[in-house]
C-alpha atoms as a PDB file:
ATOM      1  CA  MET A   1     -14.065   9.836   7.663  1.00  0.00           C
ATOM      2  CA  LYS A   2     -12.732   7.203   5.284  1.00  0.00           C
ATOM      3  CA  ARG A   3     -12.333   3.640   6.456  1.00  0.00           C
ATOM      4  CA  LEU A   4      -9.143   1.713   5.881  1.00  0.00           C
ATOM      5  CA  PRO A   5      -9.301  -1.040   3.261  1.00  0.00           C
ATOM      6  CA  LEU A   6      -9.725  -4.623   4.443  1.00  0.00           C
ATOM      7  CA  SER A   7      -6.256  -5.605   3.218  1.00  0.00           C
ATOM      8  CA  THR A   8      -4.680  -2.818   5.280  1.00  0.00           C
ATOM      9  CA  LEU A   9      -6.600  -3.851   8.391  1.00  0.00           C
ATOM     10  CA  ALA A  10      -5.665  -7.514   7.940  1.00  0.00           C
ATOM     11  CA  LEU A  11      -1.967  -6.735   7.441  1.00  0.00           C
ATOM     12  CA  LEU A  12      -1.953  -4.334  10.378  1.00  0.00           C
ATOM     13  CA  THR A  13      -3.481  -7.096  12.504  1.00  0.00           C
ATOM     14  CA  ALA A  14      -0.838  -9.529  11.230  1.00  0.00           C
ATOM     15  CA  LEU A  15       1.902  -7.088  12.216  1.00  0.00           C
ATOM     16  CA  ALA A  16       0.418  -6.634  15.701  1.00  0.00           C
ATOM     17  CA  LEU A  17       0.042 -10.402  16.169  1.00  0.00           C
ATOM     18  CA  GLY A  18       3.647 -10.880  15.070  1.00  0.00           C
ATOM     19  CA  PHE A  19       4.805  -8.423  17.714  1.00  0.00           C
ATOM     20  CA  CYS A  20       2.768 -10.380  20.288  1.00  0.00           C
ATOM     21  CA  ASP A  21       4.481 -13.665  19.266  1.00  0.00           C
ATOM     22  CA  LEU A  22       1.282 -15.113  17.820  1.00  0.00           C
ATOM     23  CA  GLN A  23       2.838 -16.129  14.502  1.00  0.00           C
ATOM     24  CA  SER A  24       0.254 -18.687  13.376  1.00  0.00           C
ATOM     25  CA  ALA A  25      -2.633 -16.236  13.739  1.00  0.00           C
ATOM     26  CA  GLY A  26      -0.429 -13.535  12.237  1.00  0.00           C
ATOM     27  CA  TRP A  27       0.275 -15.658   9.161  1.00  0.00           C
ATOM     28  CA  ALA A  28      -3.461 -16.263   8.728  1.00  0.00           C
ATOM     29  CA  PHE A  29      -4.122 -12.520   8.718  1.00  0.00           C
ATOM     30  CA  PHE A  30      -1.093 -11.949   6.470  1.00  0.00           C
ATOM     31  CA  GLY A  31      -2.548 -14.386   3.928  1.00  0.00           C
ATOM     32  CA  LEU A  32      -5.971 -12.780   4.201  1.00  0.00           C
ATOM     33  CA  GLY A  33      -4.438  -9.361   3.686  1.00  0.00           C
ATOM     34  CA  MET A  34      -2.466 -10.405   0.628  1.00  0.00           C
ATOM     35  CA  VAL A  35      -5.435 -12.138  -1.019  1.00  0.00           C
ATOM     36  CA  THR A  36      -7.677  -9.166  -0.253  1.00  0.00           C
ATOM     37  CA  TRP A  37      -5.075  -6.787  -1.679  1.00  0.00           C
ATOM     38  CA  VAL A  38      -4.891  -8.721  -4.943  1.00  0.00           C
ATOM     39  CA  LYS A  39      -8.631  -9.316  -5.337  1.00  0.00           C
ATOM     40  CA  LEU A  40     -10.200  -6.115  -3.994  1.00  0.00           C
ATOM     41  CA  ASP A  41      -7.839  -3.265  -3.240  1.00  0.00           C
ATOM     42  CA  ALA A  42      -5.180  -3.302  -5.964  1.00  0.00           C
ATOM     43  CA  PRO A  43      -7.731  -2.554  -8.709  1.00  0.00           C
ATOM     44  CA  ARG A  44      -8.879   0.470  -6.674  1.00  0.00           C
ATOM     45  CA  LEU A  45      -5.341   1.852  -6.223  1.00  0.00           C
ATOM     46  CA  LEU A  46      -5.840   4.859  -8.474  1.00  0.00           C
ATOM     47  CA  ARG A  47      -9.070   5.918  -6.778  1.00  0.00           C
ATOM     48  CA  ALA A  48      -7.619   6.786  -3.360  1.00  0.00           C
ATOM     49  CA  ASP A  49      -4.232   6.833  -1.669  1.00  0.00           C
ATOM     50  CA  HIS A  50      -5.180   4.703   1.304  1.00  0.00           C
ATOM     51  CA  TYR A  51      -5.361   1.663  -0.973  1.00  0.00           C
ATOM     52  CA  GLY A  52      -1.574   1.879  -1.249  1.00  0.00           C
ATOM     53  CA  LEU A  53      -0.937   1.164   2.445  1.00  0.00           C
ATOM     54  CA  ALA A  54      -1.135  -2.634   2.182  1.00  0.00           C
ATOM     55  CA  PRO A  55       2.179  -3.216   0.339  1.00  0.00           C
ATOM     56  CA  ALA A  56       4.081  -1.164   2.921  1.00  0.00           C
ATOM     57  CA  LEU A  57       2.424  -3.052   5.773  1.00  0.00           C
ATOM     58  CA  ALA A  58       3.208  -6.376   4.084  1.00  0.00           C
ATOM     59  CA  LEU A  59       6.852  -5.326   3.909  1.00  0.00           C
ATOM     60  CA  LEU A  60       6.800  -4.607   7.648  1.00  0.00           C
ATOM     61  CA  ALA A  61       4.758  -7.656   8.696  1.00  0.00           C
ATOM     62  CA  TYR A  62       6.692 -10.332   6.785  1.00  0.00           C
ATOM     63  CA  PRO A  63      10.030 -10.034   8.657  1.00  0.00           C
ATOM     64  CA  VAL A  64       8.220  -9.756  11.999  1.00  0.00           C
ATOM     65  CA  LEU A  65       6.269 -12.952  11.326  1.00  0.00           C
ATOM     66  CA  ALA A  66       9.094 -14.899   9.692  1.00  0.00           C
ATOM     67  CA  GLY A  67      11.738 -13.904  12.230  1.00  0.00           C
ATOM     68  CA  ALA A  68      15.122 -15.487  11.589  1.00  0.00           C
ATOM     69  CA  GLN A  69      13.685 -17.575   8.725  1.00  0.00           C
ATOM     70  CA  ALA A  70      12.786 -14.484   6.670  1.00  0.00           C
ATOM     71  CA  ASN A  71      13.779 -15.033   3.055  1.00  0.00           C
ATOM     72  CA  THR A  72      15.782 -12.164   1.589  1.00  0.00           C
ATOM     73  CA  ALA A  73      14.267 -12.660  -1.876  1.00  0.00           C
ATOM     74  CA  ILE A  74      10.719 -12.402  -0.535  1.00  0.00           C
ATOM     75  CA  THR A  75      11.612  -9.323   1.503  1.00  0.00           C
ATOM     76  CA  PHE A  76      13.205  -7.751  -1.583  1.00  0.00           C
ATOM     77  CA  ALA A  77      10.136  -8.578  -3.704  1.00  0.00           C
ATOM     78  CA  LEU A  78       7.821  -7.010  -1.124  1.00  0.00           C
ATOM     79  CA  ALA A  79      10.046  -3.916  -0.966  1.00  0.00           C
ATOM     80  CA  LEU A  80      10.090  -3.643  -4.753  1.00  0.00           C
ATOM     81  CA  HIS A  81       6.313  -3.985  -4.898  1.00  0.00           C
ATOM     82  CA  ALA A  82       5.862  -1.289  -2.224  1.00  0.00           C
ATOM     83  CA  LEU A  83       8.220   0.979  -4.180  1.00  0.00           C
ATOM     84  CA  VAL A  84       6.256   0.468  -7.417  1.00  0.00           C
ATOM     85  CA  VAL A  85       2.979   1.288  -5.654  1.00  0.00           C
ATOM     86  CA  PHE A  86       4.597   4.391  -4.135  1.00  0.00           C
ATOM     87  CA  LEU A  87       5.806   5.500  -7.582  1.00  0.00           C
ATOM     88  CA  ILE A  88       2.354   4.924  -9.076  1.00  0.00           C
ATOM     89  CA  LEU A  89       0.739   7.071  -6.393  1.00  0.00           C
ATOM     90  CA  THR A  90       3.422   9.755  -6.702  1.00  0.00           C
ATOM     91  CA  GLY A  91       3.024   9.815 -10.492  1.00  0.00           C
ATOM     92  CA  ARG A  92      -0.722  10.185 -10.106  1.00  0.00           C
ATOM     93  CA  HIS A  93      -0.320  13.141  -7.789  1.00  0.00           C
ATOM     94  CA  LEU A  94       2.263  14.785 -10.037  1.00  0.00           C
ATOM     95  CA  SER A  95       0.046  14.435 -13.094  1.00  0.00           C
ATOM     96  CA  GLN A  96      -2.900  15.923 -11.187  1.00  0.00           C
ATOM     97  CA  ASP A  97      -0.752  18.836  -9.997  1.00  0.00           C
ATOM     98  CA  ILE A  98       0.543  19.494 -13.517  1.00  0.00           C
ATOM     99  CA  ALA A  99      -2.966  19.344 -14.975  1.00  0.00           C
ATOM    100  CA  GLN A 100      -4.200  21.737 -12.314  1.00  0.00           C
ATOM    101  CA  ALA A 101      -1.315  24.142 -12.971  1.00  0.00           C
ATOM    102  CA  PHE A 102      -2.042  24.158 -16.720  1.00  0.00           C
ATOM    103  CA  SER A 103      -5.753  24.703 -16.165  1.00  0.00           C
ATOM    104  CA  GLN A 104      -4.999  27.673 -13.895  1.00  0.00           C
ATOM    105  CA  GLN A 105      -2.541  29.048 -16.445  1.00  0.00           C
ATOM    106  CA  LYS A 106      -5.130  28.720 -19.203  1.00  0.00           C
ATOM    107  CA  GLY A 107      -7.626  30.644 -17.071  1.00  0.00           C
ATOM    108  CA  ILE A 108      -5.110  33.429 -16.538  1.00  0.00           C
ATOM    109  CA  SER A 109      -4.288  33.745 -20.257  1.00  0.00           C
ATOM    110  CA  GLN A 110      -7.995  33.886 -21.124  1.00  0.00           C
ATOM    111  CA  ARG A 111      -8.516  36.754 -18.680  1.00  0.00           C
ATOM    112  CA  ILE A 112      -5.629  38.716 -20.191  1.00  0.00           C
END
């Protein structure tokens, strides 16, 4: 079984702490998650899909932690970043599916 990346765990903890009204501890884990995402997990994005969870969790955790003071520009930037990561992962899967389809088609034409 694969383990979740550290950035995902930190942001999930930040989200849970935000729901429990422990904002200061939540912000600490949010910062840890963002730094870990940038330093460790973002470069590994194309290796496995679970590295793409952190941007979505950051998008969820920020408004919970910020509450009424949530900045719309920051929320929009986090949403845009999560969308870009989603498109990167989707593009990777599509290219793998297309390559697999062509390799199967080549095998069929060689047998004929």
